[in-house]
PDB file of N, CA and C in Angstrom:
ATOM      1  N   MET A   1     -51.132  12.743 -28.270  1.00  0.00           N
ATOM      2  CA  MET A   1     -50.405  11.585 -27.837  1.00  0.00           C
ATOM      3  C   MET A   1     -49.341  11.251 -28.873  1.00  0.00           C
ATOM      4  N   VAL A   2     -48.151  10.905 -28.374  1.00  0.00           N
ATOM      5  CA  VAL A   2     -47.032  10.608 -29.261  1.00  0.00           C
ATOM      6  C   VAL A   2     -47.013   9.114 -29.519  1.00  0.00           C
ATOM      7  N   THR A   3     -46.888   8.763 -30.754  1.00  0.00           N
ATOM      8  CA  THR A   3     -46.780   7.343 -31.097  1.00  0.00           C
ATOM      9  C   THR A   3     -45.391   7.071 -31.625  1.00  0.00           C
ATOM     10  N   LEU A   4     -44.804   5.982 -31.188  1.00  0.00           N
ATOM     11  CA  LEU A   4     -43.459   5.609 -31.613  1.00  0.00           C
ATOM     12  C   LEU A   4     -43.549   4.435 -32.580  1.00  0.00           C
ATOM     13  N   THR A   5     -42.662   4.454 -33.530  1.00  0.00           N
ATOM     14  CA  THR A   5     -42.611   3.325 -34.466  1.00  0.00           C
ATOM     15  C   THR A   5     -41.873   2.182 -33.799  1.00  0.00           C
ATOM     16  N   THR A   6     -41.941   1.038 -34.394  1.00  0.00           N
ATOM     17  CA  THR A   6     -41.260  -0.137 -33.862  1.00  0.00           C
ATOM     18  C   THR A   6     -39.758   0.093 -33.807  1.00  0.00           C
ATOM     19  N   ARG A   7     -39.245   0.730 -34.820  1.00  0.00           N
ATOM     20  CA  ARG A   7     -37.804   1.015 -34.864  1.00  0.00           C
ATOM     21  C   ARG A   7     -37.404   1.939 -33.714  1.00  0.00           C
ATOM     22  N   GLN A   8     -38.173   2.954 -33.432  1.00  0.00           N
ATOM     23  CA  GLN A   8     -37.872   3.875 -32.346  1.00  0.00           C
ATOM     24  C   GLN A   8     -37.939   3.162 -30.989  1.00  0.00           C
ATOM     25  N   ILE A   9     -38.913   2.289 -30.844  1.00  0.00           N
ATOM     26  CA  ILE A   9     -39.020   1.536 -29.597  1.00  0.00           C
ATOM     27  C   ILE A   9     -37.798   0.648 -29.407  1.00  0.00           C
ATOM     28  N   LEU A  10     -37.360  -0.008 -30.475  1.00  0.00           N
ATOM     29  CA  LEU A  10     -36.164  -0.860 -30.399  1.00  0.00           C
ATOM     30  C   LEU A  10     -34.912  -0.037 -30.081  1.00  0.00           C
ATOM     31  N   LEU A  11     -34.804   1.153 -30.677  1.00  0.00           N
ATOM     32  CA  LEU A  11     -33.653   2.022 -30.397  1.00  0.00           C
ATOM     33  C   LEU A  11     -33.642   2.474 -28.936  1.00  0.00           C
ATOM     34  N   VAL A  12     -34.794   2.846 -28.408  1.00  0.00           N
ATOM     35  CA  VAL A  12     -34.875   3.264 -27.005  1.00  0.00           C
ATOM     36  C   VAL A  12     -34.517   2.091 -26.098  1.00  0.00           C
ATOM     37  N   GLY A  13     -35.012   0.902 -26.431  1.00  0.00           N
ATOM     38  CA  GLY A  13     -34.673  -0.282 -25.647  1.00  0.00           C
ATOM     39  C   GLY A  13     -33.185  -0.608 -25.710  1.00  0.00           C
ATOM     40  N   ALA A  14     -32.579  -0.462 -26.892  1.00  0.00           N
ATOM     41  CA  ALA A  14     -31.146  -0.733 -27.041  1.00  0.00           C
ATOM     42  C   ALA A  14     -30.321   0.269 -26.243  1.00  0.00           C
ATOM     43  N   MET A  15     -30.739   1.539 -26.280  1.00  0.00           N
ATOM     44  CA  MET A  15     -30.012   2.551 -25.508  1.00  0.00           C
ATOM     45  C   MET A  15     -30.157   2.289 -24.009  1.00  0.00           C
ATOM     46  N   GLY A  16     -31.330   1.882 -23.587  1.00  0.00           N
ATOM     47  CA  GLY A  16     -31.525   1.563 -22.169  1.00  0.00           C
ATOM     48  C   GLY A  16     -30.699   0.351 -21.762  1.00  0.00           C
ATOM     49  N   GLY A  17     -30.654  -0.654 -22.620  1.00  0.00           N
ATOM     50  CA  GLY A  17     -29.837  -1.842 -22.333  1.00  0.00           C
ATOM     51  C   GLY A  17     -28.361  -1.510 -22.276  1.00  0.00           C
ATOM     52  N   ALA A  18     -27.906  -0.661 -23.205  1.00  0.00           N
ATOM     53  CA  ALA A  18     -26.493  -0.259 -23.202  1.00  0.00           C
ATOM     54  C   ALA A  18     -26.177   0.544 -21.940  1.00  0.00           C
ATOM     55  N   GLY A  19     -27.090   1.426 -21.563  1.00  0.00           N
ATOM     56  CA  GLY A  19     -26.882   2.199 -20.331  1.00  0.00           C
ATOM     57  C   GLY A  19     -26.837   1.304 -19.110  1.00  0.00           C
ATOM     58  N   LEU A  20     -27.703   0.299 -19.088  1.00  0.00           N
ATOM     59  CA  LEU A  20     -27.707  -0.649 -17.972  1.00  0.00           C
ATOM     60  C   LEU A  20     -26.399  -1.436 -17.932  1.00  0.00           C
ATOM     61  N   ALA A  21     -25.915  -1.852 -19.090  1.00  0.00           N
ATOM     62  CA  ALA A  21     -24.663  -2.609 -19.145  1.00  0.00           C
ATOM     63  C   ALA A  21     -23.485  -1.752 -18.675  1.00  0.00           C
ATOM     64  N   VAL A  22     -23.434  -0.513 -19.106  1.00  0.00           N
ATOM     65  CA  VAL A  22     -22.358   0.384 -18.678  1.00  0.00           C
ATOM     66  C   VAL A  22     -22.453   0.648 -17.179  1.00  0.00           C
ATOM     67  N   GLY A  23     -23.653   0.846 -16.682  1.00  0.00           N
ATOM     68  CA  GLY A  23     -23.836   1.079 -15.251  1.00  0.00           C
ATOM     69  C   GLY A  23     -23.399  -0.116 -14.426  1.00  0.00           C
ATOM     70  N   LEU A  24     -23.786  -1.318 -14.850  1.00  0.00           N
ATOM     71  CA  LEU A  24     -23.363  -2.521 -14.134  1.00  0.00           C
ATOM     72  C   LEU A  24     -21.851  -2.691 -14.181  1.00  0.00           C
ATOM     73  N   ALA A  25     -21.254  -2.415 -15.330  1.00  0.00           N
ATOM     74  CA  ALA A  25     -19.792  -2.522 -15.444  1.00  0.00           C
ATOM     75  C   ALA A  25     -19.110  -1.549 -14.490  1.00  0.00           C
ATOM     76  N   LEU A  26     -19.628  -0.342 -14.373  1.00  0.00           N
ATOM     77  CA  LEU A  26     -19.053   0.638 -13.452  1.00  0.00           C
ATOM     78  C   LEU A  26     -19.214   0.194 -12.002  1.00  0.00           C
ATOM     79  N   VAL A  27     -20.378  -0.352 -11.670  1.00  0.00           N
ATOM     80  CA  VAL A  27     -20.593  -0.823 -10.298  1.00  0.00           C
ATOM     81  C   VAL A  27     -19.619  -1.943  -9.964  1.00  0.00           C
ATOM     82  N   PHE A  28     -19.475  -2.907 -10.877  1.00  0.00           N
ATOM     83  CA  PHE A  28     -18.536  -3.998 -10.628  1.00  0.00           C
ATOM     84  C   PHE A  28     -17.099  -3.498 -10.542  1.00  0.00           C
ATOM     85  N   ALA A  29     -16.740  -2.538 -11.378  1.00  0.00           N
ATOM     86  CA  ALA A  29     -15.379  -1.991 -11.335  1.00  0.00           C
ATOM     87  C   ALA A  29     -15.111  -1.310  -9.991  1.00  0.00           C
ATOM     88  N   VAL A  30     -16.079  -0.562  -9.504  1.00  0.00           N
ATOM     89  CA  VAL A  30     -15.908   0.113  -8.214  1.00  0.00           C
ATOM     90  C   VAL A  30     -15.825  -0.905  -7.084  1.00  0.00           C
ATOM     91  N   VAL A  31     -16.696  -1.909  -7.114  1.00  0.00           N
ATOM     92  CA  VAL A  31     -16.706  -2.913  -6.047  1.00  0.00           C
ATOM     93  C   VAL A  31     -15.395  -3.693  -6.035  1.00  0.00           C
ATOM     94  N   PHE A  32     -14.978  -4.192  -7.199  1.00  0.00           N
ATOM     95  CA  PHE A  32     -13.751  -4.985  -7.240  1.00  0.00           C
ATOM     96  C   PHE A  32     -12.513  -4.127  -7.009  1.00  0.00           C
ATOM     97  N   GLY A  33     -12.532  -2.889  -7.455  1.00  0.00           N
ATOM     98  CA  GLY A  33     -11.413  -1.989  -7.187  1.00  0.00           C
ATOM     99  C   GLY A  33     -11.270  -1.697  -5.706  1.00  0.00           C
ATOM    100  N   THR A  34     -12.397  -1.479  -5.043  1.00  0.00           N
ATOM    101  CA  THR A  34     -12.371  -1.232  -3.605  1.00  0.00           C
ATOM    102  C   THR A  34     -11.890  -2.465  -2.851  1.00  0.00           C
ATOM    103  N   ALA A  35     -12.372  -3.641  -3.264  1.00  0.00           N
ATOM    104  CA  ALA A  35     -11.945  -4.878  -2.603  1.00  0.00           C
ATOM    105  C   ALA A  35     -10.454  -5.113  -2.798  1.00  0.00           C
ATOM    106  N   THR A  36      -9.943  -4.831  -3.981  1.00  0.00           N
ATOM    107  CA  THR A  36      -8.508  -4.997  -4.245  1.00  0.00           C
ATOM    108  C   THR A  36      -7.688  -4.022  -3.412  1.00  0.00           C
ATOM    109  N   ALA A  37      -8.120  -2.785  -3.354  1.00  0.00           N
ATOM    110  CA  ALA A  37      -7.397  -1.787  -2.561  1.00  0.00           C
ATOM    111  C   ALA A  37      -7.396  -2.164  -1.088  1.00  0.00           C
ATOM    112  N   TYR A  38      -8.513  -2.636  -0.585  1.00  0.00           N
ATOM    113  CA  TYR A  38      -8.605  -3.036   0.815  1.00  0.00           C
ATOM    114  C   TYR A  38      -7.710  -4.237   1.092  1.00  0.00           C
ATOM    115  N   SER A  39      -7.685  -5.183   0.169  1.00  0.00           N
ATOM    116  CA  SER A  39      -6.835  -6.366   0.325  1.00  0.00           C
ATOM    117  C   SER A  39      -5.357  -5.972   0.344  1.00  0.00           C
ATOM    118  N   ARG A  40      -4.974  -5.081  -0.558  1.00  0.00           N
ATOM    119  CA  ARG A  40      -3.578  -4.619  -0.580  1.00  0.00           C
ATOM    120  C   ARG A  40      -3.221  -3.878   0.695  1.00  0.00           C
ATOM    121  N   LEU A  41      -4.151  -3.087   1.198  1.00  0.00           N
ATOM    122  CA  LEU A  41      -3.910  -2.371   2.445  1.00  0.00           C
ATOM    123  C   LEU A  41      -3.694  -3.347   3.596  1.00  0.00           C
ATOM    124  N   LEU A  42      -4.509  -4.395   3.664  1.00  0.00           N
ATOM    125  CA  LEU A  42      -4.344  -5.396   4.715  1.00  0.00           C
ATOM    126  C   LEU A  42      -3.016  -6.138   4.572  1.00  0.00           C
ATOM    127  N   ASP A  43      -2.608  -6.426   3.327  1.00  0.00           N
ATOM    128  CA  ASP A  43      -1.322  -7.087   3.108  1.00  0.00           C
ATOM    129  C   ASP A  43      -0.161  -6.207   3.564  1.00  0.00           C
ATOM    130  N   ARG A  44      -0.238  -4.919   3.251  1.00  0.00           N
ATOM    131  CA  ARG A  44       0.831  -4.006   3.673  1.00  0.00           C
ATOM    132  C   ARG A  44       0.880  -3.885   5.192  1.00  0.00           C
ATOM    133  N   LEU A  45      -0.287  -3.874   5.829  1.00  0.00           N
ATOM    134  CA  LEU A  45      -0.336  -3.800   7.285  1.00  0.00           C
ATOM    135  C   LEU A  45       0.275  -5.053   7.906  1.00  0.00           C
ATOM    136  N   ALA A  46      -0.040  -6.212   7.354  1.00  0.00           N
ATOM    137  CA  ALA A  46       0.531  -7.456   7.874  1.00  0.00           C
ATOM    138  C   ALA A  46       2.044  -7.485   7.678  1.00  0.00           C
ATOM    139  N   ALA A  47       2.523  -7.018   6.527  1.00  0.00           N
ATOM    140  CA  ALA A  47       3.965  -6.975   6.284  1.00  0.00           C
ATOM    141  C   ALA A  47       4.638  -5.999   7.242  1.00  0.00           C
ATOM    142  N   TRP A  48       4.004  -4.859   7.500  1.00  0.00           N
ATOM    143  CA  TRP A  48       4.575  -3.877   8.422  1.00  0.00           C
ATOM    144  C   TRP A  48       4.669  -4.462   9.820  1.00  0.00           C
ATOM    145  N   ARG A  49       3.639  -5.200  10.226  1.00  0.00           N
ATOM    146  CA  ARG A  49       3.657  -5.793  11.565  1.00  0.00           C
ATOM    147  C   ARG A  49       4.729  -6.856  11.712  1.00  0.00           C
ATOM    148  N   THR A  50       5.018  -7.594  10.652  1.00  0.00           N
ATOM    149  CA  THR A  50       6.050  -8.627  10.769  1.00  0.00           C
ATOM    150  C   THR A  50       7.449  -8.018  10.699  1.00  0.00           C
ATOM    151  N   ARG A  51       7.606  -6.899   9.978  1.00  0.00           N
ATOM    152  CA  ARG A  51       8.934  -6.271   9.895  1.00  0.00           C
ATOM    153  C   ARG A  51       9.230  -5.399  11.102  1.00  0.00           C
ATOM    154  N   ARG A  52       8.208  -4.972  11.807  1.00  0.00           N
ATOM    155  CA  ARG A  52       8.398  -4.024  12.906  1.00  0.00           C
ATOM    156  C   ARG A  52       9.329  -4.548  13.996  1.00  0.00           C
ATOM    157  N   PRO A  53       9.188  -5.793  14.498  1.00  0.00           N
ATOM    158  CA  PRO A  53      10.121  -6.271  15.527  1.00  0.00           C
ATOM    159  C   PRO A  53      11.574  -6.289  15.039  1.00  0.00           C
ATOM    160  N   ALA A  54      11.778  -6.613  13.769  1.00  0.00           N
ATOM    161  CA  ALA A  54      13.145  -6.613  13.235  1.00  0.00           C
ATOM    162  C   ALA A  54      13.712  -5.194  13.211  1.00  0.00           C
ATOM    163  N   ARG A  55      12.884  -4.214  12.858  1.00  0.00           N
ATOM    164  CA  ARG A  55      13.361  -2.827  12.855  1.00  0.00           C
ATOM    165  C   ARG A  55      13.679  -2.359  14.259  1.00  0.00           C
ATOM    166  N   ILE A  56      12.854  -2.748  15.223  1.00  0.00           N
ATOM    167  CA  ILE A  56      13.108  -2.354  16.620  1.00  0.00           C
ATOM    168  C   ILE A  56      14.408  -2.972  17.100  1.00  0.00           C
ATOM    169  N   GLU A  57      14.632  -4.237  16.784  1.00  0.00           N
ATOM    170  CA  GLU A  57      15.870  -4.906  17.191  1.00  0.00           C
ATOM    171  C   GLU A  57      17.089  -4.264  16.528  1.00  0.00           C
ATOM    172  N   ALA A  58      16.968  -3.912  15.250  1.00  0.00           N
ATOM    173  CA  ALA A  58      18.076  -3.259  14.555  1.00  0.00           C
ATOM    174  C   ALA A  58      18.385  -1.907  15.187  1.00  0.00           C
ATOM    175  N   ARG A  59      17.348  -1.160  15.556  1.00  0.00           N
ATOM    176  CA  ARG A  59      17.549   0.142  16.199  1.00  0.00           C
ATOM    177  C   ARG A  59      18.246  -0.039  17.542  1.00  0.00           C
ATOM    178  N   ARG A  60      17.832  -1.051  18.294  1.00  0.00           N
ATOM    179  CA  ARG A  60      18.439  -1.331  19.595  1.00  0.00           C
ATOM    180  C   ARG A  60      19.918  -1.709  19.418  1.00  0.00           C
ATOM    181  N   THR A  61      20.211  -2.520  18.413  1.00  0.00           N
ATOM    182  CA  THR A  61      21.592  -2.928  18.153  1.00  0.00           C
ATOM    183  C   THR A  61      22.447  -1.728  17.767  1.00  0.00           C
ATOM    184  N   ARG A  62      21.918  -0.853  16.905  1.00  0.00           N
ATOM    185  CA  ARG A  62      22.685   0.343  16.528  1.00  0.00           C
ATOM    186  C   ARG A  62      22.959   1.218  17.732  1.00  0.00           C
ATOM    187  N   ARG A  63      21.972   1.363  18.621  1.00  0.00           N
ATOM    188  CA  ARG A  63      22.155   2.165  19.824  1.00  0.00           C
ATOM    189  C   ARG A  63      23.261   1.575  20.697  1.00  0.00           C
ATOM    190  N   GLU A  64      23.256   0.267  20.865  1.00  0.00           N
ATOM    191  CA  GLU A  64      24.293  -0.387  21.670  1.00  0.00           C
ATOM    192  C   GLU A  64      25.661  -0.260  21.004  1.00  0.00           C
ATOM    193  N   ASP A  65      25.690  -0.350  19.675  1.00  0.00           N
ATOM    194  CA  ASP A  65      26.960  -0.173  18.967  1.00  0.00           C
ATOM    195  C   ASP A  65      27.507   1.234  19.158  1.00  0.00           C
ATOM    196  N   ARG A  66      26.618   2.230  19.123  1.00  0.00           N
ATOM    197  CA  ARG A  66      27.079   3.614  19.344  1.00  0.00           C
ATOM    198  C   ARG A  66      27.629   3.783  20.755  1.00  0.00           C
ATOM    199  N   LYS A  67      26.948   3.161  21.734  1.00  0.00           N
ATOM    200  CA  LYS A  67      27.441   3.243  23.107  1.00  0.00           C
ATOM    201  C   LYS A  67      28.814   2.594  23.222  1.00  0.00           C
ATOM    202  N   THR A  68      28.995   1.466  22.573  1.00  0.00           N
ATOM    203  CA  THR A  68      30.286   0.781  22.609  1.00  0.00           C
ATOM    204  C   THR A  68      31.371   1.634  21.962  1.00  0.00           C
ATOM    205  N   CYS A  69      31.042   2.241  20.815  1.00  0.00           N
ATOM    206  CA  CYS A  69      32.024   3.099  20.138  1.00  0.00           C
ATOM    207  C   CYS A  69      32.392   4.299  21.011  1.00  0.00           C
ATOM    208  N   ARG A  70      31.418   4.893  21.652  1.00  0.00           N
ATOM    209  CA  ARG A  70      31.716   6.035  22.530  1.00  0.00           C
ATOM    210  C   ARG A  70      32.594   5.606  23.701  1.00  0.00           C
ATOM    211  N   ALA A  71      32.316   4.427  24.241  1.00  0.00           N
ATOM    212  CA  ALA A  71      33.128   3.941  25.360  1.00  0.00           C
ATOM    213  C   ALA A  71      34.563   3.683  24.912  1.00  0.00           C
ATOM    214  N   ILE A  72      34.729   3.124  23.723  1.00  0.00           N
ATOM    215  CA  ILE A  72      36.083   2.871  23.211  1.00  0.00           C
ATOM    216  C   ILE A  72      36.794   4.188  22.941  1.00  0.00           C
ATOM    217  N   GLU A  73      36.085   5.169  22.357  1.00  0.00           N
ATOM    218  CA  GLU A  73      36.699   6.463  22.079  1.00  0.00           C
ATOM    219  C   GLU A  73      37.044   7.206  23.362  1.00  0.00           C
ATOM    220  N   ALA A  74      36.301   6.951  24.416  1.00  0.00           N
ATOM    221  CA  ALA A  74      36.566   7.628  25.688  1.00  0.00           C
ATOM    222  C   ALA A  74      37.826   7.088  26.356  1.00  0.00           C
ATOM    223  N   LEU A  75      38.240   5.885  25.992  1.00  0.00           N
ATOM    224  CA  LEU A  75      39.463   5.324  26.560  1.00  0.00           C
ATOM    225  C   LEU A  75      40.666   6.107  26.056  1.00  0.00           C
ATOM    226  N   GLY A  76      41.642   6.224  26.878  1.00  0.00           N
ATOM    227  CA  GLY A  76      42.856   6.892  26.452  1.00  0.00           C
ATOM    228  C   GLY A  76      43.647   6.001  25.477  1.00  0.00           C
ATOM    229  N   THR A  77      44.355   6.608  24.555  1.00  0.00           N
ATOM    230  CA  THR A  77      45.129   5.833  23.580  1.00  0.00           C
ATOM    231  C   THR A  77      46.622   6.038  23.789  1.00  0.00           C
ATOM    232  N   THR A  78      47.023   6.309  25.021  1.00  0.00           N
ATOM    233  CA  THR A  78      48.440   6.579  25.255  1.00  0.00           C
ATOM    234  C   THR A  78      49.283   5.304  25.135  1.00  0.00           C
ATOM    235  N   ASP A  79      48.701   4.156  25.395  1.00  0.00           N
ATOM    236  CA  ASP A  79      49.492   2.941  25.281  1.00  0.00           C
ATOM    237  C   ASP A  79      49.480   2.365  23.881  1.00  0.00           C
ATOM    238  N   HIS A  80      48.685   2.967  22.970  1.00  0.00           N
ATOM    239  CA  HIS A  80      48.659   2.534  21.586  1.00  0.00           C
ATOM    240  C   HIS A  80      48.850   3.749  20.697  1.00  0.00           C
ATOM    241  N   PRO A  81      50.068   4.150  20.440  1.00  0.00           N
ATOM    242  CA  PRO A  81      50.281   5.353  19.609  1.00  0.00           C
ATOM    243  C   PRO A  81      49.764   5.121  18.184  1.00  0.00           C
ATOM    244  N   THR A  82      49.177   6.149  17.630  1.00  0.00           N
ATOM    245  CA  THR A  82      48.610   6.008  16.290  1.00  0.00           C
ATOM    246  C   THR A  82      49.609   6.360  15.206  1.00  0.00           C
ATOM    247  N   ASP A  83      50.629   7.201  15.472  1.00  0.00           N
ATOM    248  CA  ASP A  83      51.586   7.544  14.431  1.00  0.00           C
ATOM    249  C   ASP A  83      52.770   6.588  14.502  1.00  0.00           C
ATOM    250  N   LEU A  84      52.800   5.709  13.549  1.00  0.00           N
ATOM    251  CA  LEU A  84      53.881   4.721  13.482  1.00  0.00           C
ATOM    252  C   LEU A  84      54.911   5.078  12.457  1.00  0.00           C
TER     253      LEU A  84
END
């Protein structure tokens, strides 16, 4: 049977306590890191949803502007000479 001195018992207890503290710190870091990442993801999704209608409207406006430009270019320019 192995007998441990008081000092050895205290050292084993200190190492176990340090291991427990490091383990708890890692668990909290993972939990809070995951919560932060999830929160940021939700914020980005909400921002994307609010910007999306503006992007759709801008795309629609650009399309209409291109149609207008094509219609103007399709008109003849014989009554407005360009070389002055």
